[in-house]
Amino acid sequence: MNEGSRPWTRKPNRIGAPRRGWAIPPPPTAMPAPLGERLRTIASMALFVVLAGYVGFSAIRLGLLLWQRFALA
């Protein structure tokens, strides 16, 4: 292959500006996520929020129980 058939491989001139005909191939387009993957992502996020809430609730409950147990009364 000669250099003319691949314009994105041409080197810039001495000044650093690209030569005439400089072309960069376009980036690949991102495909949208399939519906099943999106549903699984939403379900996993919802499960995380529920479990994090349960852990927080349990921590508060344990703190209150320990406070009652070791209170100076």
PDB file of N, CA and C in Angstrom:
ATOM      1  N   MET A   1       0.843  -1.183   0.000  1.00  0.00           N
ATOM      2  CA  MET A   1       0.000   0.000   0.000  1.00  0.00           C
ATOM      3  C   MET A   1       0.882   1.237   0.000  1.00  0.00           C
ATOM      4  N   ASN A   2       0.535   2.184  -0.811  1.00  0.00           N
ATOM      5  CA  ASN A   2       1.304   3.418  -0.779  1.00  0.00           C
ATOM      6  C   ASN A   2       0.695   4.380   0.232  1.00  0.00           C
ATOM      7  N   GLU A   3       1.442   5.441   0.506  1.00  0.00           N
ATOM      8  CA  GLU A   3       1.019   6.363   1.558  1.00  0.00           C
ATOM      9  C   GLU A   3      -0.251   7.120   1.180  1.00  0.00           C
ATOM     10  N   GLY A   4      -0.519   7.284  -0.094  1.00  0.00           N
ATOM     11  CA  GLY A   4      -1.676   8.040  -0.525  1.00  0.00           C
ATOM     12  C   GLY A   4      -2.997   7.351  -0.253  1.00  0.00           C
ATOM     13  N   SER A   5      -2.990   6.028  -0.108  1.00  0.00           N
ATOM     14  CA  SER A   5      -4.244   5.327   0.120  1.00  0.00           C
ATOM     15  C   SER A   5      -4.664   5.336   1.586  1.00  0.00           C
ATOM     16  N   ARG A   6      -3.768   5.740   2.459  1.00  0.00           N
ATOM     17  CA  ARG A   6      -4.094   5.831   3.887  1.00  0.00           C
ATOM     18  C   ARG A   6      -3.789   7.245   4.365  1.00  0.00           C
ATOM     19  N   PRO A   7      -4.702   8.191   4.168  1.00  0.00           N
ATOM     20  CA  PRO A   7      -4.392   9.586   4.486  1.00  0.00           C
ATOM     21  C   PRO A   7      -4.186   9.843   5.968  1.00  0.00           C
ATOM     22  N   TRP A   8      -4.748   9.038   6.857  1.00  0.00           N
ATOM     23  CA  TRP A   8      -4.601   9.286   8.293  1.00  0.00           C
ATOM     24  C   TRP A   8      -3.220   8.892   8.798  1.00  0.00           C
ATOM     25  N   THR A   9      -2.407   8.246   7.967  1.00  0.00           N
ATOM     26  CA  THR A   9      -1.063   7.878   8.391  1.00  0.00           C
ATOM     27  C   THR A   9      -0.027   8.877   7.910  1.00  0.00           C
ATOM     28  N   ARG A  10      -0.419   9.922   7.196  1.00  0.00           N
ATOM     29  CA  ARG A  10       0.535  10.916   6.720  1.00  0.00           C
ATOM     30  C   ARG A  10       1.116  11.682   7.888  1.00  0.00           C
ATOM     31  N   LYS A  11       2.381  12.017   7.778  1.00  0.00           N
ATOM     32  CA  LYS A  11       3.052  12.753   8.835  1.00  0.00           C
ATOM     33  C   LYS A  11       2.859  14.246   8.612  1.00  0.00           C
ATOM     34  N   PRO A  12       2.823  15.057   9.691  1.00  0.00           N
ATOM     35  CA  PRO A  12       2.686  16.501   9.521  1.00  0.00           C
ATOM     36  C   PRO A  12       3.960  17.094   8.924  1.00  0.00           C
ATOM     37  N   ASN A  13       3.841  18.305   8.388  1.00  0.00           N
ATOM     38  CA  ASN A  13       5.023  18.961   7.825  1.00  0.00           C
ATOM     39  C   ASN A  13       5.916  19.486   8.936  1.00  0.00           C
ATOM     40  N   ARG A  14       7.004  20.183   8.561  1.00  0.00           N
ATOM     41  CA  ARG A  14       7.985  20.621   9.547  1.00  0.00           C
ATOM     42  C   ARG A  14       7.395  21.553  10.590  1.00  0.00           C
ATOM     43  N   ILE A  15       6.439  22.368  10.223  1.00  0.00           N
ATOM     44  CA  ILE A  15       5.868  23.335  11.157  1.00  0.00           C
ATOM     45  C   ILE A  15       4.980  22.621  12.180  1.00  0.00           C
ATOM     46  N   GLY A  16       4.475  21.491  11.852  1.00  0.00           N
ATOM     47  CA  GLY A  16       3.610  20.754  12.751  1.00  0.00           C
ATOM     48  C   GLY A  16       2.168  20.772  12.322  1.00  0.00           C
ATOM     49  N   ALA A  17       1.861  21.596  11.316  1.00  0.00           N
ATOM     50  CA  ALA A  17       0.497  21.627  10.807  1.00  0.00           C
ATOM     51  C   ALA A  17       0.281  20.425   9.899  1.00  0.00           C
ATOM     52  N   PRO A  18      -0.898  19.880   9.891  1.00  0.00           N
ATOM     53  CA  PRO A  18      -1.128  18.729   9.020  1.00  0.00           C
ATOM     54  C   PRO A  18      -1.043  19.115   7.548  1.00  0.00           C
ATOM     55  N   ARG A  19      -0.666  18.187   6.741  1.00  0.00           N
ATOM     56  CA  ARG A  19      -0.593  18.420   5.299  1.00  0.00           C
ATOM     57  C   ARG A  19      -1.984  18.483   4.716  1.00  0.00           C
ATOM     58  N   ARG A  20      -2.039  18.911   3.499  1.00  0.00           N
ATOM     59  CA  ARG A  20      -3.304  18.958   2.788  1.00  0.00           C
ATOM     60  C   ARG A  20      -3.850  17.545   2.623  1.00  0.00           C
ATOM     61  N   GLY A  21      -5.124  17.372   2.825  1.00  0.00           N
ATOM     62  CA  GLY A  21      -5.717  16.051   2.671  1.00  0.00           C
ATOM     63  C   GLY A  21      -5.636  15.200   3.925  1.00  0.00           C
ATOM     64  N   TRP A  22      -5.224  15.781   5.029  1.00  0.00           N
ATOM     65  CA  TRP A  22      -5.126  15.040   6.294  1.00  0.00           C
ATOM     66  C   TRP A  22      -6.522  14.594   6.705  1.00  0.00           C
ATOM     67  N   ALA A  23      -6.650  13.353   7.025  1.00  0.00           N
ATOM     68  CA  ALA A  23      -7.964  12.848   7.421  1.00  0.00           C
ATOM     69  C   ALA A  23      -7.785  11.867   8.565  1.00  0.00           C
ATOM     70  N   ILE A  24      -8.648  11.970   9.543  1.00  0.00           N
ATOM     71  CA  ILE A  24      -8.646  11.041  10.672  1.00  0.00           C
ATOM     72  C   ILE A  24      -9.904  10.198  10.530  1.00  0.00           C
ATOM     73  N   PRO A  25      -9.760   8.878  10.598  1.00  0.00           N
ATOM     74  CA  PRO A  25     -10.960   8.053  10.460  1.00  0.00           C
ATOM     75  C   PRO A  25     -11.929   8.331  11.598  1.00  0.00           C
ATOM     76  N   PRO A  26     -13.221   8.319  11.340  1.00  0.00           N
ATOM     77  CA  PRO A  26     -14.188   8.609  12.404  1.00  0.00           C
ATOM     78  C   PRO A  26     -14.162   7.506  13.458  1.00  0.00           C
ATOM     79  N   PRO A  27     -14.397   7.891  14.722  1.00  0.00           N
ATOM     80  CA  PRO A  27     -14.423   6.866  15.771  1.00  0.00           C
ATOM     81  C   PRO A  27     -15.625   5.946  15.581  1.00  0.00           C
ATOM     82  N   PRO A  28     -15.514   4.713  16.050  1.00  0.00           N
ATOM     83  CA  PRO A  28     -16.658   3.803  15.925  1.00  0.00           C
ATOM     84  C   PRO A  28     -17.825   4.314  16.764  1.00  0.00           C
ATOM     85  N   THR A  29     -19.015   4.178  16.241  1.00  0.00           N
ATOM     86  CA  THR A  29     -20.193   4.647  16.969  1.00  0.00           C
ATOM     87  C   THR A  29     -20.563   3.633  18.043  1.00  0.00           C
ATOM     88  N   ALA A  30     -20.964   4.153  19.183  1.00  0.00           N
ATOM     89  CA  ALA A  30     -21.351   3.290  20.288  1.00  0.00           C
ATOM     90  C   ALA A  30     -22.748   2.735  20.039  1.00  0.00           C
ATOM     91  N   MET A  31     -22.889   1.462  20.225  1.00  0.00           N
ATOM     92  CA  MET A  31     -24.197   0.830  20.059  1.00  0.00           C
ATOM     93  C   MET A  31     -24.998   1.016  21.347  1.00  0.00           C
ATOM     94  N   PRO A  32     -26.295   1.272  21.256  1.00  0.00           N
ATOM     95  CA  PRO A  32     -27.097   1.384  22.476  1.00  0.00           C
ATOM     96  C   PRO A  32     -27.175   0.033  23.190  1.00  0.00           C
ATOM     97  N   ALA A  33     -27.265   0.106  24.503  1.00  0.00           N
ATOM     98  CA  ALA A  33     -27.317  -1.116  25.297  1.00  0.00           C
ATOM     99  C   ALA A  33     -28.623  -1.865  25.019  1.00  0.00           C
ATOM    100  N   PRO A  34     -28.574  -3.185  24.964  1.00  0.00           N
ATOM    101  CA  PRO A  34     -29.805  -3.950  24.764  1.00  0.00           C
ATOM    102  C   PRO A  34     -30.757  -3.770  25.944  1.00  0.00           C
ATOM    103  N   LEU A  35     -32.020  -3.989  25.701  1.00  0.00           N
ATOM    104  CA  LEU A  35     -33.034  -3.774  26.731  1.00  0.00           C
ATOM    105  C   LEU A  35     -32.810  -4.687  27.928  1.00  0.00           C
ATOM    106  N   GLY A  36     -32.389  -5.926  27.701  1.00  0.00           N
ATOM    107  CA  GLY A  36     -32.158  -6.844  28.813  1.00  0.00           C
ATOM    108  C   GLY A  36     -31.038  -6.371  29.710  1.00  0.00           C
ATOM    109  N   GLU A  37     -29.986  -5.818  29.116  1.00  0.00           N
ATOM    110  CA  GLU A  37     -28.872  -5.332  29.925  1.00  0.00           C
ATOM    111  C   GLU A  37     -29.287  -4.104  30.729  1.00  0.00           C
ATOM    112  N   ARG A  38     -30.091  -3.250  30.124  1.00  0.00           N
ATOM    113  CA  ARG A  38     -30.554  -2.061  30.845  1.00  0.00           C
ATOM    114  C   ARG A  38     -31.462  -2.446  32.010  1.00  0.00           C
ATOM    115  N   LEU A  39     -32.341  -3.415  31.780  1.00  0.00           N
ATOM    116  CA  LEU A  39     -33.226  -3.874  32.847  1.00  0.00           C
ATOM    117  C   LEU A  39     -32.423  -4.487  33.994  1.00  0.00           C
ATOM    118  N   ARG A  40     -31.394  -5.268  33.643  1.00  0.00           N
ATOM    119  CA  ARG A  40     -30.545  -5.878  34.674  1.00  0.00           C
ATOM    120  C   ARG A  40     -29.797  -4.798  35.458  1.00  0.00           C
ATOM    121  N   THR A  41     -29.349  -3.735  34.777  1.00  0.00           N
ATOM    122  CA  THR A  41     -28.661  -2.646  35.465  1.00  0.00           C
ATOM    123  C   THR A  41     -29.592  -1.941  36.440  1.00  0.00           C
ATOM    124  N   ILE A  42     -30.820  -1.682  36.004  1.00  0.00           N
ATOM    125  CA  ILE A  42     -31.787  -1.011  36.881  1.00  0.00           C
ATOM    126  C   ILE A  42     -32.120  -1.891  38.083  1.00  0.00           C
ATOM    127  N   ALA A  43     -32.283  -3.181  37.845  1.00  0.00           N
ATOM    128  CA  ALA A  43     -32.601  -4.101  38.943  1.00  0.00           C
ATOM    129  C   ALA A  43     -31.451  -4.182  39.938  1.00  0.00           C
ATOM    130  N   SER A  44     -30.224  -4.215  39.447  1.00  0.00           N
ATOM    131  CA  SER A  44     -29.085  -4.300  40.355  1.00  0.00           C
ATOM    132  C   SER A  44     -28.927  -3.017  41.163  1.00  0.00           C
ATOM    133  N   MET A  45     -29.195  -1.876  40.531  1.00  0.00           N
ATOM    134  CA  MET A  45     -29.121  -0.612  41.279  1.00  0.00           C
ATOM    135  C   MET A  45     -30.206  -0.549  42.348  1.00  0.00           C
ATOM    136  N   ALA A  46     -31.411  -1.006  42.023  1.00  0.00           N
ATOM    137  CA  ALA A  46     -32.500  -1.008  42.998  1.00  0.00           C
ATOM    138  C   ALA A  46     -32.180  -1.947  44.166  1.00  0.00           C
ATOM    139  N   LEU A  47     -31.631  -3.108  43.861  1.00  0.00           N
ATOM    140  CA  LEU A  47     -31.246  -4.046  44.923  1.00  0.00           C
ATOM    141  C   LEU A  47     -30.167  -3.446  45.818  1.00  0.00           C
ATOM    142  N   PHE A  48     -29.206  -2.743  45.213  1.00  0.00           N
ATOM    143  CA  PHE A  48     -28.161  -2.101  46.001  1.00  0.00           C
ATOM    144  C   PHE A  48     -28.752  -1.063  46.948  1.00  0.00           C
ATOM    145  N   VAL A  49     -29.692  -0.251  46.465  1.00  0.00           N
ATOM    146  CA  VAL A  49     -30.302   0.779  47.310  1.00  0.00           C
ATOM    147  C   VAL A  49     -31.077   0.141  48.457  1.00  0.00           C
ATOM    148  N   VAL A  50     -31.808  -0.927  48.166  1.00  0.00           N
ATOM    149  CA  VAL A  50     -32.580  -1.608  49.214  1.00  0.00           C
ATOM    150  C   VAL A  50     -31.653  -2.206  50.269  1.00  0.00           C
ATOM    151  N   LEU A  51     -30.607  -2.880  49.821  1.00  0.00           N
ATOM    152  CA  LEU A  51     -29.685  -3.496  50.786  1.00  0.00           C
ATOM    153  C   LEU A  51     -28.908  -2.445  51.581  1.00  0.00           C
ATOM    154  N   ALA A  52     -28.530  -1.348  50.937  1.00  0.00           N
ATOM    155  CA  ALA A  52     -27.837  -0.285  51.662  1.00  0.00           C
ATOM    156  C   ALA A  52     -28.760   0.335  52.707  1.00  0.00           C
ATOM    157  N   GLY A  53     -30.030   0.499  52.386  1.00  0.00           N
ATOM    158  CA  GLY A  53     -30.986   1.015  53.363  1.00  0.00           C
ATOM    159  C   GLY A  53     -31.162   0.068  54.536  1.00  0.00           C
ATOM    160  N   TYR A  54     -31.195  -1.227  54.246  1.00  0.00           N
ATOM    161  CA  TYR A  54     -31.334  -2.210  55.325  1.00  0.00           C
ATOM    162  C   TYR A  54     -30.119  -2.201  56.243  1.00  0.00           C
ATOM    163  N   VAL A  55     -28.936  -2.088  55.659  1.00  0.00           N
ATOM    164  CA  VAL A  55     -27.719  -2.045  56.473  1.00  0.00           C
ATOM    165  C   VAL A  55     -27.702  -0.788  57.330  1.00  0.00           C
ATOM    166  N   GLY A  56     -28.092   0.349  56.765  1.00  0.00           N
ATOM    167  CA  GLY A  56     -28.147   1.584  57.542  1.00  0.00           C
ATOM    168  C   GLY A  56     -29.155   1.495  58.676  1.00  0.00           C
ATOM    169  N   PHE A  57     -30.332   0.942  58.385  1.00  0.00           N
ATOM    170  CA  PHE A  57     -31.352   0.772  59.416  1.00  0.00           C
ATOM    171  C   PHE A  57     -30.855  -0.142  60.534  1.00  0.00           C
ATOM    172  N   SER A  58     -30.192  -1.222  60.165  1.00  0.00           N
ATOM    173  CA  SER A  58     -29.676  -2.157  61.166  1.00  0.00           C
ATOM    174  C   SER A  58     -28.593  -1.507  62.027  1.00  0.00           C
ATOM    175  N   ALA A  59     -27.764  -0.670  61.412  1.00  0.00           N
ATOM    176  CA  ALA A  59     -26.714   0.006  62.170  1.00  0.00           C
ATOM    177  C   ALA A  59     -27.314   0.974  63.184  1.00  0.00           C
ATOM    178  N   ILE A  60     -28.336   1.713  62.786  1.00  0.00           N
ATOM    179  CA  ILE A  60     -28.990   2.641  63.718  1.00  0.00           C
ATOM    180  C   ILE A  60     -29.664   1.870  64.847  1.00  0.00           C
ATOM    181  N   ARG A  61     -30.324   0.787  64.495  1.00  0.00           N
ATOM    182  CA  ARG A  61     -31.003  -0.029  65.515  1.00  0.00           C
ATOM    183  C   ARG A  61     -30.000  -0.611  66.515  1.00  0.00           C
ATOM    184  N   LEU A  62     -28.875  -1.113  66.003  1.00  0.00           N
ATOM    185  CA  LEU A  62     -27.845  -1.658  66.890  1.00  0.00           C
ATOM    186  C   LEU A  62     -27.272  -0.568  67.783  1.00  0.00           C
ATOM    187  N   GLY A  63     -27.053   0.611  67.213  1.00  0.00           N
ATOM    188  CA  GLY A  63     -26.534   1.715  68.031  1.00  0.00           C
ATOM    189  C   GLY A  63     -27.483   2.087  69.151  1.00  0.00           C
ATOM    190  N   LEU A  64     -28.783   2.118  68.856  1.00  0.00           N
ATOM    191  CA  LEU A  64     -29.753   2.437  69.913  1.00  0.00           C
ATOM    192  C   LEU A  64     -29.803   1.358  70.987  1.00  0.00           C
ATOM    193  N   LEU A  65     -29.727   0.098  70.560  1.00  0.00           N
ATOM    194  CA  LEU A  65     -29.729  -0.990  71.545  1.00  0.00           C
ATOM    195  C   LEU A  65     -28.495  -0.944  72.442  1.00  0.00           C
ATOM    196  N   LEU A  66     -27.338  -0.662  71.856  1.00  0.00           N
ATOM    197  CA  LEU A  66     -26.111  -0.565  72.661  1.00  0.00           C
ATOM    198  C   LEU A  66     -26.153   0.646  73.581  1.00  0.00           C
ATOM    199  N   TRP A  67     -26.755   1.731  73.117  1.00  0.00           N
ATOM    200  CA  TRP A  67     -26.873   2.915  73.957  1.00  0.00           C
ATOM    201  C   TRP A  67     -27.748   2.617  75.172  1.00  0.00           C
ATOM    202  N   GLN A  68     -28.859   1.918  74.956  1.00  0.00           N
ATOM    203  CA  GLN A  68     -29.724   1.550  76.081  1.00  0.00           C
ATOM    204  C   GLN A  68     -29.016   0.597  77.036  1.00  0.00           C
ATOM    205  N   ARG A  69     -28.245  -0.325  76.490  1.00  0.00           N
ATOM    206  CA  ARG A  69     -27.580  -1.333  77.325  1.00  0.00           C
ATOM    207  C   ARG A  69     -26.517  -0.730  78.210  1.00  0.00           C
ATOM    208  N   PHE A  70     -25.740   0.211  77.668  1.00  0.00           N
ATOM    209  CA  PHE A  70     -24.606   0.760  78.429  1.00  0.00           C
ATOM    210  C   PHE A  70     -24.868   2.173  78.927  1.00  0.00           C
ATOM    211  N   ALA A  71     -26.127   2.587  79.007  1.00  0.00           N
ATOM    212  CA  ALA A  71     -26.468   3.930  79.522  1.00  0.00           C
ATOM    213  C   ALA A  71     -26.184   3.978  81.009  1.00  0.00           C
ATOM    214  N   LEU A  72     -25.796   5.150  81.478  1.00  0.00           N
ATOM    215  CA  LEU A  72     -25.519   5.333  82.897  1.00  0.00           C
ATOM    216  C   LEU A  72     -26.780   5.786  83.613  1.00  0.00           C
ATOM    217  N   ALA A  73     -27.669   4.837  83.893  1.00  0.00           N
ATOM    218  CA  ALA A  73     -28.920   5.208  84.542  1.00  0.00           C
ATOM    219  C   ALA A  73     -29.097   4.542  85.853  1.00  0.00           C
TER     220      ALA A  73
END
